[in-house]
Amino acid sequence: MRKKNKQSGYTIPEILIGVAVVGVVAAITYAGYRMYQSQQNSNNFGNIVNQITNNVIQSYQKSQTGYTNIASDMKPLIQEKVFPDTMTIDSSAGTVKIFSGAVTLAADANTGGFTLSFAKVPSDTCMKSLAAMGGSGFNAIDVGGSNLWTTGSDWPAKSTIATQCGNGSGNVVMAFHAG
């Protein structure tokens, strides 16, 4: 008597179901990772703003002229490691970028301090970082070319922050006045 050969392996429908399950799991994992990455970028951005601000204040503590020449001091500030290594730094050109936008410093004639500006902050990072950091350590904060908050005033409502930050889409300019 002959034995029947039984084929081993998976059928096409079983393979398709397996591929579909793997695809769904990968999509969910990727979405979770993107959300985590977005939150980390927001937290890191707030830390970067505070770190640069503190480093600039420390760097100019003993300056006889204050922050007057800060805009032209980018190369020396880069050499001093005022800007974190996580940013895009071109030491020969004296430029710093984050989110593919320029980071600049300028003297603030109104307060005698300085302004730290970021050209292309993603809207969601703007909203999340402001919610996390508030206005502590700053004289004023501008978002999208308009004043958002000034020392002595109440912290703005979430709806005001969302509107000035672009309601979650696009990029905005953020400027932090300190010193």
C-alpha atoms as a PDB file:
ATOM      1  CA  MET A   1       0.000   0.000   0.000  1.00  0.00           C
ATOM      2  CA  ARG A   2       1.256   3.456  -0.931  1.00  0.00           C
ATOM      3  CA  LYS A   3       1.305   6.387   1.444  1.00  0.00           C
ATOM      4  CA  LYS A   4      -0.166   9.680   0.358  1.00  0.00           C
ATOM      5  CA  ASN A   5       2.339  12.514   0.240  1.00  0.00           C
ATOM      6  CA  LYS A   6       1.235  15.314   2.499  1.00  0.00           C
ATOM      7  CA  GLN A   7       2.696  18.691   1.584  1.00  0.00           C
ATOM      8  CA  SER A   8       4.004  20.773   4.417  1.00  0.00           C
ATOM      9  CA  GLY A   9       4.014  24.565   4.508  1.00  0.00           C
ATOM     10  CA  TYR A  10       1.538  27.394   4.492  1.00  0.00           C
ATOM     11  CA  THR A  11      -1.253  28.138   2.109  1.00  0.00           C
ATOM     12  CA  ILE A  12      -1.452  31.449   0.267  1.00  0.00           C
ATOM     13  CA  PRO A  13      -4.338  32.715   2.437  1.00  0.00           C
ATOM     14  CA  GLU A  14      -2.343  31.901   5.587  1.00  0.00           C
ATOM     15  CA  ILE A  15       0.688  33.789   4.242  1.00  0.00           C
ATOM     16  CA  LEU A  16      -1.463  36.809   3.313  1.00  0.00           C
ATOM     17  CA  ILE A  17      -3.018  36.890   6.778  1.00  0.00           C
ATOM     18  CA  GLY A  18       0.445  36.728   8.351  1.00  0.00           C
ATOM     19  CA  VAL A  19       1.724  39.583   6.151  1.00  0.00           C
ATOM     20  CA  ALA A  20      -1.364  41.669   7.006  1.00  0.00           C
ATOM     21  CA  VAL A  21      -0.857  41.123  10.754  1.00  0.00           C
ATOM     22  CA  VAL A  22       2.828  42.065  10.507  1.00  0.00           C
ATOM     23  CA  GLY A  23       1.857  45.200   8.519  1.00  0.00           C
ATOM     24  CA  VAL A  24      -0.691  46.327  11.113  1.00  0.00           C
ATOM     25  CA  VAL A  25       1.751  45.762  13.983  1.00  0.00           C
ATOM     26  CA  ALA A  26       4.464  47.695  12.103  1.00  0.00           C
ATOM     27  CA  ALA A  27       2.093  50.608  11.405  1.00  0.00           C
ATOM     28  CA  ILE A  28       1.031  50.829  15.055  1.00  0.00           C
ATOM     29  CA  THR A  29       4.649  50.631  16.224  1.00  0.00           C
ATOM     30  CA  TYR A  30       5.723  53.336  13.763  1.00  0.00           C
ATOM     31  CA  ALA A  31       2.879  55.661  14.809  1.00  0.00           C
ATOM     32  CA  GLY A  32       3.810  55.204  18.464  1.00  0.00           C
ATOM     33  CA  TYR A  33       7.455  55.861  17.709  1.00  0.00           C
ATOM     34  CA  ARG A  34       6.614  59.071  15.805  1.00  0.00           C
ATOM     35  CA  MET A  35       4.494  60.294  18.729  1.00  0.00           C
ATOM     36  CA  TYR A  36       7.313  59.492  21.169  1.00  0.00           C
ATOM     37  CA  GLN A  37       9.848  61.208  18.890  1.00  0.00           C
ATOM     38  CA  SER A  38       7.659  64.315  18.623  1.00  0.00           C
ATOM     39  CA  GLN A  39       7.367  64.512  22.420  1.00  0.00           C
ATOM     40  CA  GLN A  40      11.125  64.038  22.802  1.00  0.00           C
ATOM     41  CA  ASN A  41      11.811  66.797  20.247  1.00  0.00           C
ATOM     42  CA  SER A  42       9.536  69.156  22.185  1.00  0.00           C
ATOM     43  CA  ASN A  43      11.175  68.321  25.513  1.00  0.00           C
ATOM     44  CA  ASN A  44      14.630  68.570  23.981  1.00  0.00           C
ATOM     45  CA  PHE A  45      13.813  71.911  22.344  1.00  0.00           C
ATOM     46  CA  GLY A  46      12.822  73.441  25.693  1.00  0.00           C
ATOM     47  CA  ASN A  47      16.030  72.100  27.224  1.00  0.00           C
ATOM     48  CA  ILE A  48      18.069  73.455  24.305  1.00  0.00           C
ATOM     49  CA  VAL A  49      16.530  76.936  24.655  1.00  0.00           C
ATOM     50  CA  ASN A  50      17.284  76.988  28.385  1.00  0.00           C
ATOM     51  CA  GLN A  51      20.788  75.595  27.896  1.00  0.00           C
ATOM     52  CA  ILE A  52      21.729  78.169  25.241  1.00  0.00           C
ATOM     53  CA  THR A  53      20.233  81.002  27.296  1.00  0.00           C
ATOM     54  CA  ASN A  54      22.165  79.994  30.420  1.00  0.00           C
ATOM     55  CA  ASN A  55      25.392  79.481  28.435  1.00  0.00           C
ATOM     56  CA  VAL A  56      25.096  82.920  26.784  1.00  0.00           C
ATOM     57  CA  ILE A  57      24.436  84.646  30.119  1.00  0.00           C
ATOM     58  CA  GLN A  58      27.440  82.871  31.642  1.00  0.00           C
ATOM     59  CA  SER A  59      29.624  83.722  28.637  1.00  0.00           C
ATOM     60  CA  TYR A  60      28.820  87.446  28.863  1.00  0.00           C
ATOM     61  CA  GLN A  61      28.810  87.775  32.665  1.00  0.00           C
ATOM     62  CA  LYS A  62      32.060  89.716  32.759  1.00  0.00           C
ATOM     63  CA  SER A  63      31.675  91.550  29.460  1.00  0.00           C
ATOM     64  CA  GLN A  64      32.263  95.294  29.697  1.00  0.00           C
ATOM     65  CA  THR A  65      29.987  95.977  26.711  1.00  0.00           C
ATOM     66  CA  GLY A  66      27.189  93.576  27.626  1.00  0.00           C
ATOM     67  CA  TYR A  67      25.454  91.887  24.711  1.00  0.00           C
ATOM     68  CA  THR A  68      26.097  94.733  22.246  1.00  0.00           C
ATOM     69  CA  ASN A  69      28.198  92.635  19.831  1.00  0.00           C
ATOM     70  CA  ILE A  70      26.434  89.324  20.330  1.00  0.00           C
ATOM     71  CA  ALA A  71      25.201  89.047  16.719  1.00  0.00           C
ATOM     72  CA  SER A  72      28.773  89.131  15.417  1.00  0.00           C
ATOM     73  CA  ASP A  73      30.050  86.774  18.141  1.00  0.00           C
ATOM     74  CA  MET A  74      28.532  83.565  16.726  1.00  0.00           C
ATOM     75  CA  LYS A  75      31.910  81.992  15.834  1.00  0.00           C
ATOM     76  CA  PRO A  76      33.425  82.549  19.294  1.00  0.00           C
ATOM     77  CA  LEU A  77      30.204  81.343  20.936  1.00  0.00           C
ATOM     78  CA  ILE A  78      30.313  78.189  18.800  1.00  0.00           C
ATOM     79  CA  GLN A  79      33.939  77.636  19.859  1.00  0.00           C
ATOM     80  CA  GLU A  80      32.912  78.082  23.504  1.00  0.00           C
ATOM     81  CA  LYS A  81      30.340  75.295  23.014  1.00  0.00           C
ATOM     82  CA  VAL A  82      27.422  77.592  23.903  1.00  0.00           C
ATOM     83  CA  PHE A  83      25.260  75.582  21.469  1.00  0.00           C
ATOM     84  CA  PRO A  84      24.611  71.877  22.105  1.00  0.00           C
ATOM     85  CA  ASP A  85      26.202  69.355  19.736  1.00  0.00           C
ATOM     86  CA  THR A  86      22.726  68.064  18.853  1.00  0.00           C
ATOM     87  CA  MET A  87      22.251  71.149  16.674  1.00  0.00           C
ATOM     88  CA  THR A  88      23.603  71.610  13.135  1.00  0.00           C
ATOM     89  CA  ILE A  89      26.702  73.741  13.643  1.00  0.00           C
ATOM     90  CA  ASP A  90      28.959  75.148  10.931  1.00  0.00           C
ATOM     91  CA  SER A  91      31.869  76.599  12.883  1.00  0.00           C
ATOM     92  CA  SER A  92      33.664  77.963   9.808  1.00  0.00           C
ATOM     93  CA  ALA A  93      30.582  79.917   8.687  1.00  0.00           C
ATOM     94  CA  GLY A  94      29.530  80.751  12.234  1.00  0.00           C
ATOM     95  CA  THR A  95      26.014  79.403  11.760  1.00  0.00           C
ATOM     96  CA  VAL A  96      23.754  77.233  13.873  1.00  0.00           C
ATOM     97  CA  LYS A  97      20.540  75.492  12.805  1.00  0.00           C
ATOM     98  CA  ILE A  98      17.806  73.405  14.318  1.00  0.00           C
ATOM     99  CA  PHE A  99      14.764  72.021  12.472  1.00  0.00           C
ATOM    100  CA  SER A 100      16.631  73.206   9.309  1.00  0.00           C
ATOM    101  CA  GLY A 101      16.115  76.831  10.382  1.00  0.00           C
ATOM    102  CA  ALA A 102      18.678  79.406  11.491  1.00  0.00           C
ATOM    103  CA  VAL A 103      19.366  80.109  15.149  1.00  0.00           C
ATOM    104  CA  THR A 104      20.405  83.712  15.772  1.00  0.00           C
ATOM    105  CA  LEU A 105      21.391  85.962  18.623  1.00  0.00           C
ATOM    106  CA  ALA A 106      20.864  89.719  18.737  1.00  0.00           C
ATOM    107  CA  ALA A 107      21.279  92.477  21.297  1.00  0.00           C
ATOM    108  CA  ASP A 108      17.968  93.606  22.796  1.00  0.00           C
ATOM    109  CA  ALA A 109      18.182  97.389  23.072  1.00  0.00           C
ATOM    110  CA  ASN A 110      14.928  97.591  25.075  1.00  0.00           C
ATOM    111  CA  THR A 111      16.108  95.424  27.966  1.00  0.00           C
ATOM    112  CA  GLY A 112      19.893  95.501  27.629  1.00  0.00           C
ATOM    113  CA  GLY A 113      19.731  91.726  27.248  1.00  0.00           C
ATOM    114  CA  PHE A 114      19.670  89.553  24.155  1.00  0.00           C
ATOM    115  CA  THR A 115      17.214  87.768  21.888  1.00  0.00           C
ATOM    116  CA  LEU A 116      17.625  84.103  20.956  1.00  0.00           C
ATOM    117  CA  SER A 117      15.629  83.346  17.776  1.00  0.00           C
ATOM    118  CA  PHE A 118      14.714  80.103  16.033  1.00  0.00           C
ATOM    119  CA  ALA A 119      13.526  80.409  12.420  1.00  0.00           C
ATOM    120  CA  LYS A 120      11.637  77.158  11.699  1.00  0.00           C
ATOM    121  CA  VAL A 121      10.162  75.608  14.811  1.00  0.00           C
ATOM    122  CA  PRO A 122       7.483  73.010  14.007  1.00  0.00           C
ATOM    123  CA  SER A 123       4.108  74.178  15.278  1.00  0.00           C
ATOM    124  CA  ASP A 124       3.561  71.164  17.539  1.00  0.00           C
ATOM    125  CA  THR A 125       7.030  71.593  19.073  1.00  0.00           C
ATOM    126  CA  CYS A 126       6.228  75.266  19.680  1.00  0.00           C
ATOM    127  CA  MET A 127       3.037  74.412  21.565  1.00  0.00           C
ATOM    128  CA  LYS A 128       4.464  71.523  23.587  1.00  0.00           C
ATOM    129  CA  SER A 129       7.687  73.287  24.539  1.00  0.00           C
ATOM    130  CA  LEU A 130       5.866  76.432  25.704  1.00  0.00           C
ATOM    131  CA  ALA A 131       3.501  74.320  27.780  1.00  0.00           C
ATOM    132  CA  ALA A 132       6.471  72.576  29.402  1.00  0.00           C
ATOM    133  CA  MET A 133       8.820  75.513  29.944  1.00  0.00           C
ATOM    134  CA  GLY A 134       6.549  78.506  30.467  1.00  0.00           C
ATOM    135  CA  GLY A 135       8.251  81.864  30.663  1.00  0.00           C
ATOM    136  CA  SER A 136      10.694  81.165  33.458  1.00  0.00           C
ATOM    137  CA  GLY A 137      14.055  82.795  32.877  1.00  0.00           C
ATOM    138  CA  PHE A 138      12.890  85.103  30.085  1.00  0.00           C
ATOM    139  CA  ASN A 139      11.876  88.749  29.821  1.00  0.00           C
ATOM    140  CA  ALA A 140       9.513  88.053  26.924  1.00  0.00           C
ATOM    141  CA  ILE A 141       8.651  85.420  24.320  1.00  0.00           C
ATOM    142  CA  ASP A 142       7.571  86.180  20.745  1.00  0.00           C
ATOM    143  CA  VAL A 143       5.937  83.607  18.493  1.00  0.00           C
ATOM    144  CA  GLY A 144       5.156  84.117  14.833  1.00  0.00           C
ATOM    145  CA  GLY A 145       6.392  87.715  14.940  1.00  0.00           C
ATOM    146  CA  SER A 146       4.028  88.777  17.760  1.00  0.00           C
ATOM    147  CA  ASN A 147       4.568  89.040  21.482  1.00  0.00           C
ATOM    148  CA  LEU A 148       3.124  86.021  23.293  1.00  0.00           C
ATOM    149  CA  TRP A 149       4.189  86.825  26.837  1.00  0.00           C
ATOM    150  CA  THR A 150       6.120  89.437  28.822  1.00  0.00           C
ATOM    151  CA  THR A 151       7.416  89.285  32.402  1.00  0.00           C
ATOM    152  CA  GLY A 152       4.747  90.471  34.800  1.00  0.00           C
ATOM    153  CA  SER A 153       1.840  89.422  32.608  1.00  0.00           C
ATOM    154  CA  ASP A 154      -0.239  86.284  33.038  1.00  0.00           C
ATOM    155  CA  TRP A 155       0.830  83.213  31.083  1.00  0.00           C
ATOM    156  CA  PRO A 156      -1.379  83.012  27.972  1.00  0.00           C
ATOM    157  CA  ALA A 157      -4.229  80.545  27.589  1.00  0.00           C
ATOM    158  CA  LYS A 158      -3.615  77.316  25.661  1.00  0.00           C
ATOM    159  CA  SER A 159      -5.838  78.594  22.852  1.00  0.00           C
ATOM    160  CA  THR A 160      -3.669  81.723  22.460  1.00  0.00           C
ATOM    161  CA  ILE A 161      -0.496  79.629  22.414  1.00  0.00           C
ATOM    162  CA  ALA A 162      -2.031  77.235  19.862  1.00  0.00           C
ATOM    163  CA  THR A 163      -3.085  80.098  17.589  1.00  0.00           C
ATOM    164  CA  GLN A 164       0.302  81.829  17.683  1.00  0.00           C
ATOM    165  CA  CYS A 165       2.114  78.509  17.221  1.00  0.00           C
ATOM    166  CA  GLY A 166       0.123  77.775  14.057  1.00  0.00           C
ATOM    167  CA  ASN A 167      -2.489  75.371  15.451  1.00  0.00           C
ATOM    168  CA  GLY A 168      -0.322  72.295  14.944  1.00  0.00           C
ATOM    169  CA  SER A 169       0.735  72.777  11.326  1.00  0.00           C
ATOM    170  CA  GLY A 170       3.666  74.456   9.629  1.00  0.00           C
ATOM    171  CA  ASN A 171       6.649  76.213  11.175  1.00  0.00           C
ATOM    172  CA  VAL A 172       6.935  79.388  13.216  1.00  0.00           C
ATOM    173  CA  VAL A 173       9.619  81.809  14.331  1.00  0.00           C
ATOM    174  CA  MET A 174      10.200  81.827  18.070  1.00  0.00           C
ATOM    175  CA  ALA A 175      12.195  84.496  19.898  1.00  0.00           C
ATOM    176  CA  PHE A 176      13.208  84.371  23.556  1.00  0.00           C
ATOM    177  CA  HIS A 177      14.302  87.629  25.201  1.00  0.00           C
ATOM    178  CA  ALA A 178      16.657  87.166  28.152  1.00  0.00           C
ATOM    179  CA  GLY A 179      19.667  88.570  29.942  1.00  0.00           C
END
